[in-house]
C-alpha atoms as a PDB file:
ATOM      1  CA  UNK A   1     130.769 101.172  91.061  1.00  0.00           C
ATOM      2  CA  UNK A   2     128.674  99.662  93.828  1.00  0.00           C
ATOM      3  CA  UNK A   3     127.867 100.760  97.356  1.00  0.00           C
ATOM      4  CA  UNK A   4     126.608  98.460 100.102  1.00  0.00           C
ATOM      5  CA  UNK A   5     123.896  99.193 102.655  1.00  0.00           C
ATOM      6  CA  UNK A   6     123.943  96.806 105.653  1.00  0.00           C
ATOM      7  CA  UNK A   7     121.138  96.543 108.193  1.00  0.00           C
ATOM      8  CA  UNK A   8     118.533  94.338 109.795  1.00  0.00           C
ATOM      9  CA  UNK A   9     115.819  95.947 107.609  1.00  0.00           C
ATOM     10  CA  UNK A  10     113.160  94.918 110.103  1.00  0.00           C
ATOM     11  CA  UNK A  11     111.297  95.927 107.978  1.00  0.00           C
ATOM     12  CA  UNK A  12     112.816  97.797 105.052  1.00  0.00           C
ATOM     13  CA  UNK A  13     111.032 101.131 104.611  1.00  0.00           C
ATOM     14  CA  UNK A  14     110.873 104.154 102.343  1.00  0.00           C
ATOM     15  CA  UNK A  15     113.454 105.968 104.461  1.00  0.00           C
ATOM     16  CA  UNK A  16     116.041 103.286 103.660  1.00  0.00           C
ATOM     17  CA  UNK A  17     115.152 103.430  99.990  1.00  0.00           C
ATOM     18  CA  UNK A  18     115.406 107.225  99.882  1.00  0.00           C
ATOM     19  CA  UNK A  19     118.833 107.183 101.547  1.00  0.00           C
ATOM     20  CA  UNK A  20     120.051 104.736  98.911  1.00  0.00           C
ATOM     21  CA  UNK A  21     118.533 106.756  96.064  1.00  0.00           C
ATOM     22  CA  UNK A  22     120.154 109.997  97.151  1.00  0.00           C
ATOM     23  CA  UNK A  23     123.545 108.419  97.807  1.00  0.00           C
ATOM     24  CA  UNK A  24     123.473 106.719  94.419  1.00  0.00           C
ATOM     25  CA  UNK A  25     122.595 109.949  92.619  1.00  0.00           C
ATOM     26  CA  UNK A  26     124.741 112.417  94.556  1.00  0.00           C
ATOM     27  CA  UNK A  27     127.861 110.276  94.860  1.00  0.00           C
ATOM     28  CA  UNK A  28     127.685 108.657  91.436  1.00  0.00           C
ATOM     29  CA  UNK A  29     127.312 104.993  92.324  1.00  0.00           C
ATOM     30  CA  UNK A  30     125.924 102.635  89.686  1.00  0.00           C
ATOM     31  CA  UNK A  31     124.030 100.609  92.249  1.00  0.00           C
ATOM     32  CA  UNK A  32     123.313 100.356  95.977  1.00  0.00           C
ATOM     33  CA  UNK A  33     123.155  96.761  97.181  1.00  0.00           C
ATOM     34  CA  UNK A  34     121.213  96.060 100.386  1.00  0.00           C
ATOM     35  CA  UNK A  35     122.671  93.411 102.710  1.00  0.00           C
ATOM     36  CA  UNK A  36     120.205  92.160 105.355  1.00  0.00           C
ATOM     37  CA  UNK A  37     121.898  90.846 108.499  1.00  0.00           C
ATOM     38  CA  UNK A  38     121.526  87.104 108.952  1.00  0.00           C
ATOM     39  CA  UNK A  39     122.360  86.592 112.624  1.00  0.00           C
ATOM     40  CA  UNK A  40     123.636  89.771 114.314  1.00  0.00           C
ATOM     41  CA  UNK A  41     126.124  89.175 117.155  1.00  0.00           C
ATOM     42  CA  UNK A  42     123.855  90.973 119.615  1.00  0.00           C
ATOM     43  CA  UNK A  43     120.337  89.720 120.268  1.00  0.00           C
ATOM     44  CA  UNK A  44     117.719  92.122 118.943  1.00  0.00           C
ATOM     45  CA  UNK A  45     114.192  92.101 120.346  1.00  0.00           C
ATOM     46  CA  UNK A  46     111.507  91.627 117.722  1.00  0.00           C
ATOM     47  CA  UNK A  47     113.911  90.587 114.961  1.00  0.00           C
ATOM     48  CA  UNK A  48     112.065  88.657 112.286  1.00  0.00           C
ATOM     49  CA  UNK A  49     113.617  85.570 110.681  1.00  0.00           C
ATOM     50  CA  UNK A  50     116.125  86.305 107.940  1.00  0.00           C
ATOM     51  CA  UNK A  51     113.819  84.822 105.295  1.00  0.00           C
ATOM     52  CA  UNK A  52     111.103  87.405 105.978  1.00  0.00           C
ATOM     53  CA  UNK A  53     113.472  90.354 106.033  1.00  0.00           C
ATOM     54  CA  UNK A  54     115.238  89.202 102.878  1.00  0.00           C
ATOM     55  CA  UNK A  55     111.978  88.692 100.996  1.00  0.00           C
ATOM     56  CA  UNK A  56     110.663  92.124 101.992  1.00  0.00           C
ATOM     57  CA  UNK A  57     113.868  93.754 100.774  1.00  0.00           C
ATOM     58  CA  UNK A  58     113.633  91.861  97.495  1.00  0.00           C
ATOM     59  CA  UNK A  59     110.020  92.939  97.042  1.00  0.00           C
ATOM     60  CA  UNK A  60     110.916  96.568  97.699  1.00  0.00           C
ATOM     61  CA  UNK A  61     114.087  96.729  95.608  1.00  0.00           C
ATOM     62  CA  UNK A  62     114.219  93.796  93.194  1.00  0.00           C
ATOM     63  CA  UNK A  63     116.287  90.669  93.810  1.00  0.00           C
ATOM     64  CA  UNK A  64     119.243  92.064  91.865  1.00  0.00           C
ATOM     65  CA  UNK A  65     119.681  94.834  94.454  1.00  0.00           C
ATOM     66  CA  UNK A  66     119.619  92.610  97.556  1.00  0.00           C
ATOM     67  CA  UNK A  67     122.383  90.244  98.694  1.00  0.00           C
ATOM     68  CA  UNK A  68     121.882  87.123 100.803  1.00  0.00           C
ATOM     69  CA  UNK A  69     125.633  86.835 101.382  1.00  0.00           C
ATOM     70  CA  UNK A  70     125.369  86.713 105.168  1.00  0.00           C
ATOM     71  CA  UNK A  71     123.190  83.605 104.959  1.00  0.00           C
ATOM     72  CA  UNK A  72     126.165  81.834 103.352  1.00  0.00           C
ATOM     73  CA  UNK A  73     128.751  82.850 105.929  1.00  0.00           C
ATOM     74  CA  UNK A  74     129.389  81.472 109.394  1.00  0.00           C
ATOM     75  CA  UNK A  75     127.649  83.011 112.367  1.00  0.00           C
ATOM     76  CA  UNK A  76     127.415  85.280 114.209  1.00  0.00           C
ATOM     77  CA  UNK A  77     127.231  87.747 111.308  1.00  0.00           C
ATOM     78  CA  UNK A  78     130.156  89.982 112.125  1.00  0.00           C
ATOM     79  CA  UNK A  79     130.435  92.787 109.584  1.00  0.00           C
ATOM     80  CA  UNK A  80     134.152  92.227 109.048  1.00  0.00           C
ATOM     81  CA  UNK A  81     133.511  88.669 107.778  1.00  0.00           C
ATOM     82  CA  UNK A  82     131.011  89.892 105.209  1.00  0.00           C
ATOM     83  CA  UNK A  83     133.309  92.727 104.179  1.00  0.00           C
ATOM     84  CA  UNK A  84     136.226  90.336 103.710  1.00  0.00           C
ATOM     85  CA  UNK A  85     134.111  88.219 101.353  1.00  0.00           C
ATOM     86  CA  UNK A  86     132.843  91.200  99.340  1.00  0.00           C
ATOM     87  CA  UNK A  87     136.371  92.646  99.222  1.00  0.00           C
ATOM     88  CA  UNK A  88     137.641  89.372  97.785  1.00  0.00           C
ATOM     89  CA  UNK A  89     134.794  89.178  95.262  1.00  0.00           C
ATOM     90  CA  UNK A  90     135.516  92.760  94.180  1.00  0.00           C
ATOM     91  CA  UNK A  91     139.106  91.995  93.280  1.00  0.00           C
ATOM     92  CA  UNK A  92     140.529  93.324  96.554  1.00  0.00           C
ATOM     93  CA  UNK A  93     138.980  96.743  95.989  1.00  0.00           C
ATOM     94  CA  UNK A  94     137.712  98.764  98.952  1.00  0.00           C
ATOM     95  CA  UNK A  95     134.048  98.251  99.747  1.00  0.00           C
ATOM     96  CA  UNK A  96     131.831 101.361  99.702  1.00  0.00           C
ATOM     97  CA  UNK A  97     129.773 101.052 102.875  1.00  0.00           C
ATOM     98  CA  UNK A  98     126.842 103.222 104.008  1.00  0.00           C
ATOM     99  CA  UNK A  99     126.807 103.890 107.741  1.00  0.00           C
ATOM    100  CA  UNK A 100     124.970 106.233 110.103  1.00  0.00           C
ATOM    101  CA  UNK A 101     127.128 108.711 111.977  1.00  0.00           C
ATOM    102  CA  UNK A 102     126.227 107.209 115.375  1.00  0.00           C
ATOM    103  CA  UNK A 103     127.441 103.770 114.304  1.00  0.00           C
ATOM    104  CA  UNK A 104     130.482 105.296 112.627  1.00  0.00           C
ATOM    105  CA  UNK A 105     131.507 106.834 115.942  1.00  0.00           C
ATOM    106  CA  UNK A 106     131.355 103.345 117.529  1.00  0.00           C
ATOM    107  CA  UNK A 107     133.530 101.644 114.910  1.00  0.00           C
ATOM    108  CA  UNK A 108     136.418 100.948 117.249  1.00  0.00           C
ATOM    109  CA  UNK A 109     134.127  98.821 119.411  1.00  0.00           C
ATOM    110  CA  UNK A 110     133.184  96.624 116.440  1.00  0.00           C
ATOM    111  CA  UNK A 111     134.813  93.235 115.903  1.00  0.00           C
ATOM    112  CA  UNK A 112     138.140  93.553 114.034  1.00  0.00           C
ATOM    113  CA  UNK A 113     138.022  97.337 113.415  1.00  0.00           C
ATOM    114  CA  UNK A 114     141.449  97.255 111.725  1.00  0.00           C
ATOM    115  CA  UNK A 115     140.036  95.021 108.983  1.00  0.00           C
ATOM    116  CA  UNK A 116     137.169  97.455 108.512  1.00  0.00           C
ATOM    117  CA  UNK A 117     139.618 100.353 108.312  1.00  0.00           C
ATOM    118  CA  UNK A 118     141.696  98.563 105.706  1.00  0.00           C
ATOM    119  CA  UNK A 119     138.904  97.332 103.451  1.00  0.00           C
ATOM    120  CA  UNK A 120     136.100  99.906 103.636  1.00  0.00           C
ATOM    121  CA  UNK A 121     135.422 103.337 102.206  1.00  0.00           C
ATOM    122  CA  UNK A 122     132.705 104.607 104.552  1.00  0.00           C
ATOM    123  CA  UNK A 123     129.844 106.742 103.276  1.00  0.00           C
ATOM    124  CA  UNK A 124     128.676 108.424 106.470  1.00  0.00           C
ATOM    125  CA  UNK A 125     125.128 109.687 106.899  1.00  0.00           C
ATOM    126  CA  UNK A 126     125.208 112.589 109.375  1.00  0.00           C
ATOM    127  CA  UNK A 127     122.272 113.177 111.680  1.00  0.00           C
ATOM    128  CA  UNK A 128     120.379 116.364 110.951  1.00  0.00           C
ATOM    129  CA  UNK A 129     119.273 118.093 114.143  1.00  0.00           C
ATOM    130  CA  UNK A 130     116.010 119.974 114.675  1.00  0.00           C
ATOM    131  CA  UNK A 131     117.632 123.294 113.781  1.00  0.00           C
ATOM    132  CA  UNK A 132     118.638 121.836 110.427  1.00  0.00           C
ATOM    133  CA  UNK A 133     122.333 121.674 111.275  1.00  0.00           C
ATOM    134  CA  UNK A 134     124.509 118.573 110.939  1.00  0.00           C
ATOM    135  CA  UNK A 135     127.754 117.573 112.593  1.00  0.00           C
ATOM    136  CA  UNK A 136     130.650 119.526 111.135  1.00  0.00           C
ATOM    137  CA  UNK A 137     133.977 118.181 109.825  1.00  0.00           C
ATOM    138  CA  UNK A 138     135.716 118.616 113.187  1.00  0.00           C
ATOM    139  CA  UNK A 139     133.478 115.930 114.690  1.00  0.00           C
ATOM    140  CA  UNK A 140     135.091 113.414 112.334  1.00  0.00           C
ATOM    141  CA  UNK A 141     138.698 114.549 112.713  1.00  0.00           C
ATOM    142  CA  UNK A 142     139.483 111.775 115.180  1.00  0.00           C
ATOM    143  CA  UNK A 143     138.678 109.094 112.611  1.00  0.00           C
ATOM    144  CA  UNK A 144     140.607 110.906 109.914  1.00  0.00           C
ATOM    145  CA  UNK A 145     143.637 110.968 112.214  1.00  0.00           C
ATOM    146  CA  UNK A 146     143.172 107.243 112.859  1.00  0.00           C
ATOM    147  CA  UNK A 147     143.328 106.513 109.130  1.00  0.00           C
ATOM    148  CA  UNK A 148     139.708 105.640 108.407  1.00  0.00           C
ATOM    149  CA  UNK A 149     138.688 106.259 104.795  1.00  0.00           C
ATOM    150  CA  UNK A 150     135.336 108.060 104.669  1.00  0.00           C
ATOM    151  CA  UNK A 151     133.228 110.788 103.144  1.00  0.00           C
ATOM    152  CA  UNK A 152     130.153 112.497 104.525  1.00  0.00           C
ATOM    153  CA  UNK A 153     126.984 112.264 102.438  1.00  0.00           C
ATOM    154  CA  UNK A 154     124.899 115.436 102.345  1.00  0.00           C
ATOM    155  CA  UNK A 155     121.413 114.003 102.038  1.00  0.00           C
ATOM    156  CA  UNK A 156     117.891 114.668 103.262  1.00  0.00           C
ATOM    157  CA  UNK A 157     115.932 112.287 105.452  1.00  0.00           C
ATOM    158  CA  UNK A 158     112.435 110.871 105.692  1.00  0.00           C
ATOM    159  CA  UNK A 159     111.215 110.737 109.286  1.00  0.00           C
ATOM    160  CA  UNK A 160     110.576 106.994 109.264  1.00  0.00           C
ATOM    161  CA  UNK A 161     111.941 104.206 111.437  1.00  0.00           C
ATOM    162  CA  UNK A 162     111.503 100.448 111.448  1.00  0.00           C
ATOM    163  CA  UNK A 163     110.496 100.573 115.119  1.00  0.00           C
ATOM    164  CA  UNK A 164     107.674 102.977 114.221  1.00  0.00           C
ATOM    165  CA  UNK A 165     106.398 100.556 111.587  1.00  0.00           C
ATOM    166  CA  UNK A 166     106.634  97.563 113.913  1.00  0.00           C
ATOM    167  CA  UNK A 167     104.639  99.408 116.565  1.00  0.00           C
ATOM    168  CA  UNK A 168     101.926 100.396 114.097  1.00  0.00           C
ATOM    169  CA  UNK A 169     101.735  96.865 112.690  1.00  0.00           C
ATOM    170  CA  UNK A 170     101.496  95.430 116.206  1.00  0.00           C
ATOM    171  CA  UNK A 171      98.468  97.652 116.811  1.00  0.00           C
ATOM    172  CA  UNK A 172      96.951  96.851 113.381  1.00  0.00           C
ATOM    173  CA  UNK A 173      97.314 100.489 112.371  1.00  0.00           C
ATOM    174  CA  UNK A 174      97.959 101.864 108.890  1.00  0.00           C
ATOM    175  CA  UNK A 175     101.516 101.757 107.493  1.00  0.00           C
ATOM    176  CA  UNK A 176     100.727 103.099 104.019  1.00  0.00           C
ATOM    177  CA  UNK A 177     103.309 105.697 103.006  1.00  0.00           C
ATOM    178  CA  UNK A 178     105.992 104.192 105.243  1.00  0.00           C
ATOM    179  CA  UNK A 179     106.813 101.085 103.209  1.00  0.00           C
ATOM    180  CA  UNK A 180     106.255 100.084  99.604  1.00  0.00           C
ATOM    181  CA  UNK A 181     102.896  98.631  98.587  1.00  0.00           C
ATOM    182  CA  UNK A 182     104.497  95.211  98.161  1.00  0.00           C
ATOM    183  CA  UNK A 183     106.053  95.244 101.629  1.00  0.00           C
ATOM    184  CA  UNK A 184     102.801  96.451 103.199  1.00  0.00           C
ATOM    185  CA  UNK A 185     100.922  93.541 101.647  1.00  0.00           C
ATOM    186  CA  UNK A 186     103.639  91.079 102.688  1.00  0.00           C
ATOM    187  CA  UNK A 187     103.479  92.266 106.307  1.00  0.00           C
ATOM    188  CA  UNK A 188      99.695  92.086 106.381  1.00  0.00           C
ATOM    189  CA  UNK A 189      99.377  88.760 104.543  1.00  0.00           C
ATOM    190  CA  UNK A 190     101.953  87.092 106.777  1.00  0.00           C
ATOM    191  CA  UNK A 191     100.706  88.780 109.942  1.00  0.00           C
ATOM    192  CA  UNK A 192     104.200  89.958 110.775  1.00  0.00           C
ATOM    193  CA  UNK A 193     104.835  91.867 114.009  1.00  0.00           C
ATOM    194  CA  UNK A 194     101.339  91.140 115.299  1.00  0.00           C
ATOM    195  CA  UNK A 195     102.702  89.197 118.261  1.00  0.00           C
ATOM    196  CA  UNK A 196     105.448  91.589 119.306  1.00  0.00           C
ATOM    197  CA  UNK A 197     103.487  92.447 122.407  1.00  0.00           C
ATOM    198  CA  UNK A 198     103.873  88.904 123.722  1.00  0.00           C
ATOM    199  CA  UNK A 199     107.103  87.688 122.127  1.00  0.00           C
ATOM    200  CA  UNK A 200     110.429  89.309 122.906  1.00  0.00           C
ATOM    201  CA  UNK A 201     112.308  87.928 119.902  1.00  0.00           C
ATOM    202  CA  UNK A 202     112.121  85.669 116.893  1.00  0.00           C
ATOM    203  CA  UNK A 203     114.465  82.792 116.151  1.00  0.00           C
END
């Protein structure tokens, strides 16, 4: 049984990898497949080309654990289109889909939310607050009443973000311990993020 982890992965970091590891182990998935976004519907400042983000994910995880499916679909890369394709490939079985709680709460603003409701089993990552508490079940009751299929993953977090790494790389500061060795070398060898201070976005 597979679970899918969508994101820009700009860049992929050890926090992403740890989330996938814990979800795989605690929820019994055979594999977590990372799906880098090709062309998100909303413009994102500092977004590297798909090729770079895909290659970093492949270096960090192995090619067999990374899907380039969004590159093959029409743009913009609406999640529902990708889900429909995976759903079809999986024999019309629901797609296990990792999502942060903040994005989960915005689902009804996504394109074609009824398709997402029909074809996804959401694995929700709750935010852990400074006091160690997480959002309780009542916070999700609305979506249960609406018919969304989900479970809440009880996992720990690494305090790492892609924006933190981009900022450090822009300033030529050390990113060891935030990304894998292979991704670190790829960023440095290709001088990624070094021009974020002058460029607002990448095509």
